[in-house]
Amino acid sequence: MTRKERYTYIIDYFQKNAPNAETELIYDNPYQLLVAVILSAQCTDKRVNLTTPAIFHRYPTAEKLSKASFDELFPLIRSISYPNNKTKHLIGMANMLVENFEGNVPMTVSELITLPGVGRKTANVITSVVDEQPNMAVDTHVFRVSARIGLTLNATTPLAAEKQLIKFIPKNLIHKAHHWLILHGRYVCIARKPKCDECGIREACKYFEKLNH
């Protein structure tokens, strides 16, 4: 199977079986999504979804969050990984939204990555989820799964993986493909012991092919 055929097979499978794939983070607007994505770094979406309601209740807007003190916000984030850094990031991010963007979340990657706690991956998540821009966020799941299946070759960094993926995935599907790969990595193609026996794309998977030769 050529690489192009592999992409076609996998995209066809997910379009049929996961046509409405979306983020598992719970949010009502771009500000809430940005808070949730910053908190989700090296933390499960499940844990983030348990944590954000109290934050959104107390700080429903960037303006409100920008006025929070570290000591007020930290207890709400304590159960999340790296709570110190994330508390600082959230307050800094809210301040910059107020100062530079009139309290609104900008919708370009270049503007988003100027915010504290926002790297390229987070910026790609925000723009692809909110605005369906053709941006591919490469987190640990996407990085691992795309290499294991054979969608990326010798990609040693998330940026290298991102460039390969957007080259082969049709532009109008990139925002969705990010969720296909994340959810596949979270529930089927798990890190230590992938569940190949229940995987719908094993016929196109390099890892599965190696296992059976």
Protein backbone atom coordinates (compact mmCIF):
# COMPACT_ATOMS: atom_id res chain seq x y z
CA MET A 1 0.00 0.00 0.00
CA THR A 2 1.42 3.39 -0.97
CA ARG A 3 1.37 6.25 1.49
CA LYS A 4 -1.31 8.00 -0.56
CA GLU A 5 -3.48 4.85 -0.54
CA ARG A 6 -2.97 4.58 3.24
CA TYR A 7 -4.25 8.14 3.73
CA THR A 8 -7.23 7.52 1.43
CA TYR A 9 -8.17 4.30 3.27
CA ILE A 10 -7.92 5.90 6.72
CA ILE A 11 -9.77 9.10 5.77
CA ASP A 12 -12.58 7.06 4.16
CA TYR A 13 -12.86 4.92 7.28
CA PHE A 14 -13.11 7.86 9.67
CA GLN A 15 -15.52 9.80 7.45
CA LYS A 16 -17.87 6.80 7.57
CA ASN A 17 -17.34 5.87 11.22
CA ALA A 18 -16.63 9.16 12.98
CA PRO A 19 -18.20 11.88 10.81
CA ASN A 20 -18.86 14.15 13.78
CA ALA A 21 -15.61 13.75 15.72
CA GLU A 22 -15.00 16.71 17.98
CA THR A 23 -13.10 17.78 21.06
CA GLU A 24 -14.05 16.13 24.36
CA LEU A 25 -13.40 19.38 26.24
CA ILE A 26 -16.63 21.04 27.40
CA TYR A 27 -16.93 24.74 26.57
CA ASP A 28 -19.49 27.36 25.51
CA ASN A 29 -17.34 29.99 23.77
CA PRO A 30 -13.77 30.62 22.51
CA TYR A 31 -12.63 32.05 25.86
CA GLN A 32 -13.74 28.91 27.71
CA LEU A 33 -12.11 26.66 25.11
CA LEU A 34 -8.83 28.57 25.41
CA VAL A 35 -8.84 28.16 29.21
CA ALA A 36 -9.63 24.44 28.85
CA VAL A 37 -6.92 23.81 26.25
CA ILE A 38 -4.27 25.59 28.32
CA LEU A 39 -5.27 23.41 31.30
CA SER A 40 -5.27 20.22 29.19
CA ALA A 41 -1.51 20.20 28.54
CA GLN A 42 -0.24 16.87 29.92
CA CYS A 43 -3.58 16.34 31.63
CA THR A 44 -6.69 14.36 30.67
CA ASP A 45 -9.71 16.09 29.17
CA LYS A 46 -11.79 14.29 31.79
CA ARG A 47 -9.88 15.96 34.64
CA VAL A 48 -10.08 19.36 32.87
CA ASN A 49 -13.86 19.03 32.46
CA LEU A 50 -14.19 18.41 36.20
CA THR A 51 -12.13 21.52 36.94
CA THR A 52 -13.39 24.17 34.51
CA PRO A 53 -17.02 24.67 35.73
CA ALA A 54 -15.83 26.36 38.94
CA ILE A 55 -13.39 28.56 36.98
CA PHE A 56 -16.02 29.59 34.42
CA HIS A 57 -18.54 30.29 37.17
CA ARG A 58 -16.17 32.56 39.05
CA TYR A 59 -14.44 34.07 36.00
CA PRO A 60 -16.98 34.05 33.14
CA THR A 61 -14.93 36.44 30.96
CA ALA A 62 -11.32 37.29 30.22
CA GLU A 63 -11.86 40.63 32.00
CA LYS A 64 -12.89 38.87 35.22
CA LEU A 65 -10.03 36.37 34.97
CA SER A 66 -7.50 39.14 34.37
CA LYS A 67 -8.36 40.56 37.81
CA ALA A 68 -7.86 37.22 39.60
CA SER A 69 -4.95 36.88 41.99
CA PHE A 70 -2.73 33.80 42.03
CA ASP A 71 -4.04 32.84 45.48
CA GLU A 72 -7.67 33.05 44.31
CA LEU A 73 -7.23 31.03 41.13
CA PHE A 74 -4.70 28.42 42.27
CA PRO A 75 -7.10 26.44 44.54
CA LEU A 76 -9.44 25.93 41.55
CA ILE A 77 -6.60 24.46 39.47
CA ARG A 78 -4.77 22.51 42.17
CA SER A 79 -5.91 19.08 40.92
CA ILE A 80 -4.52 19.70 37.40
CA SER A 81 -0.95 18.90 36.35
CA TYR A 82 1.51 21.83 36.73
CA PRO A 83 -0.99 24.02 38.63
CA ASN A 84 1.56 26.75 39.47
CA ASN A 85 2.52 27.42 35.87
CA LYS A 86 -1.03 27.10 34.57
CA THR A 87 -2.38 29.54 37.16
CA LYS A 88 0.21 32.11 36.04
CA HIS A 89 -0.46 31.37 32.37
CA LEU A 90 -4.22 31.82 32.70
CA ILE A 91 -3.95 35.16 34.48
CA GLY A 92 -1.29 36.37 32.03
CA MET A 93 -3.34 35.17 29.06
CA ALA A 94 -6.46 36.96 30.32
CA ASN A 95 -4.50 40.18 30.88
CA MET A 96 -3.12 40.08 27.36
CA LEU A 97 -6.56 39.37 25.87
CA VAL A 98 -7.89 42.47 27.63
CA GLU A 99 -4.91 44.68 26.78
CA ASN A 100 -4.31 43.62 23.18
CA PHE A 101 -7.52 42.06 21.88
CA GLU A 102 -10.38 43.87 23.67
CA GLY A 103 -11.07 40.76 25.72
CA ASN A 104 -11.71 38.59 22.64
CA VAL A 105 -9.82 35.48 21.61
CA PRO A 106 -7.93 36.19 18.36
CA MET A 107 -8.37 33.71 15.52
CA THR A 108 -4.93 33.55 13.95
CA VAL A 109 -2.15 31.21 15.05
CA SER A 110 0.39 34.06 14.98
CA GLU A 111 -1.67 36.16 17.40
CA LEU A 112 -2.62 33.27 19.67
CA ILE A 113 0.98 32.15 20.24
CA THR A 114 1.77 35.57 21.74
CA LEU A 115 -0.44 34.64 24.72
CA PRO A 116 1.13 33.08 27.86
CA GLY A 117 0.61 29.31 27.97
CA VAL A 118 -0.27 29.11 24.28
CA GLY A 119 2.07 27.25 21.94
CA ARG A 120 1.54 26.21 18.36
CA LYS A 121 -0.46 23.11 19.30
CA THR A 122 -2.93 25.09 21.43
CA ALA A 123 -3.27 27.78 18.75
CA ASN A 124 -3.99 25.11 16.15
CA VAL A 125 -6.64 23.55 18.40
CA ILE A 126 -8.42 26.88 18.95
CA THR A 127 -8.44 27.94 15.29
CA SER A 128 -9.45 24.51 13.98
CA VAL A 129 -12.18 23.87 16.57
CA VAL A 130 -13.73 27.35 16.70
CA ASP A 131 -13.18 28.46 13.12
CA GLU A 132 -12.61 25.16 11.23
CA GLN A 133 -9.31 26.51 9.91
CA PRO A 134 -7.12 23.86 8.22
CA ASN A 135 -4.69 23.67 11.14
CA MET A 136 -3.42 20.36 12.53
CA ALA A 137 -2.69 20.29 16.26
CA VAL A 138 -0.11 17.60 16.98
CA ASP A 139 -0.25 16.41 20.57
CA THR A 140 1.30 13.22 21.94
CA HIS A 141 -1.59 11.07 20.66
CA VAL A 142 -1.49 12.49 17.13
CA PHE A 143 2.33 12.29 17.04
CA ARG A 144 2.38 8.66 18.18
CA VAL A 145 -0.58 7.39 16.16
CA SER A 146 0.37 9.02 12.87
CA ALA A 147 3.91 7.58 13.11
CA ARG A 148 2.69 4.14 14.15
CA ILE A 149 0.13 3.87 11.36
CA GLY A 150 2.62 5.18 8.79
CA LEU A 151 1.00 8.51 8.02
CA THR A 152 4.22 10.28 9.00
CA LEU A 153 7.72 9.06 8.18
CA ASN A 154 10.78 9.97 10.26
CA ALA A 155 9.01 12.99 11.75
CA THR A 156 11.08 13.75 14.84
CA THR A 157 9.15 16.83 16.02
CA PRO A 158 5.45 17.76 16.26
CA LEU A 159 6.02 20.46 13.60
CA ALA A 160 7.52 17.94 11.16
CA ALA A 161 4.53 15.63 11.76
CA GLU A 162 2.11 18.54 11.28
CA LYS A 163 3.69 19.46 7.92
CA GLN A 164 3.45 15.89 6.63
CA LEU A 165 -0.16 15.45 7.76
CA ILE A 166 -1.45 18.67 6.20
CA LYS A 167 0.30 17.80 2.95
CA PHE A 168 -1.72 14.60 2.50
CA ILE A 169 -5.06 15.35 4.20
CA PRO A 170 -7.61 17.33 2.12
CA LYS A 171 -7.77 20.92 3.38
CA ASN A 172 -11.47 20.76 4.25
CA LEU A 173 -10.91 17.74 6.52
CA ILE A 174 -7.82 18.83 8.45
CA HIS A 175 -9.80 20.35 11.34
CA LYS A 176 -11.64 17.04 11.75
CA ALA A 177 -8.66 14.74 11.17
CA HIS A 178 -7.03 16.12 14.30
CA HIS A 179 -9.92 14.70 16.37
CA TRP A 180 -9.92 11.40 14.46
CA LEU A 181 -6.29 10.80 15.37
CA ILE A 182 -6.56 12.01 18.98
CA LEU A 183 -9.62 9.88 19.74
CA HIS A 184 -8.12 6.87 17.97
CA GLY A 185 -5.00 7.27 20.10
CA ARG A 186 -6.99 7.74 23.27
CA TYR A 187 -9.28 4.73 22.93
CA VAL A 188 -7.88 2.25 20.38
CA CYS A 189 -4.26 2.89 19.40
CA ILE A 190 -3.20 3.39 23.01
CA ALA A 191 0.46 3.92 23.86
CA ARG A 192 1.53 0.72 25.57
CA LYS A 193 -0.71 -1.91 24.07
CA PRO A 194 -2.72 -0.86 21.03
CA LYS A 195 -6.04 -2.68 20.63
CA CYS A 196 -5.32 -3.94 17.11
CA ASP A 197 -8.03 -6.60 17.35
CA GLU A 198 -10.74 -3.93 17.50
CA CYS A 199 -9.11 -1.42 15.15
CA GLY A 200 -10.98 -0.56 11.96
CA ILE A 201 -7.91 0.71 10.12
CA ARG A 202 -5.48 -2.12 10.81
CA GLU A 203 -5.48 -3.14 7.12
CA ALA A 204 -3.77 0.18 6.36
CA CYS A 205 -1.49 0.23 9.42
CA LYS A 206 2.27 -0.26 9.17
CA TYR A 207 2.52 -1.33 12.81
CA PHE A 208 -0.10 -4.06 12.34
CA GLU A 209 1.59 -5.18 9.13
CA LYS A 210 4.92 -5.60 10.97
CA LEU A 211 3.26 -7.53 13.79
CA ASN A 212 1.89 -10.05 11.34
CA HIS A 213 4.95 -10.70 9.22
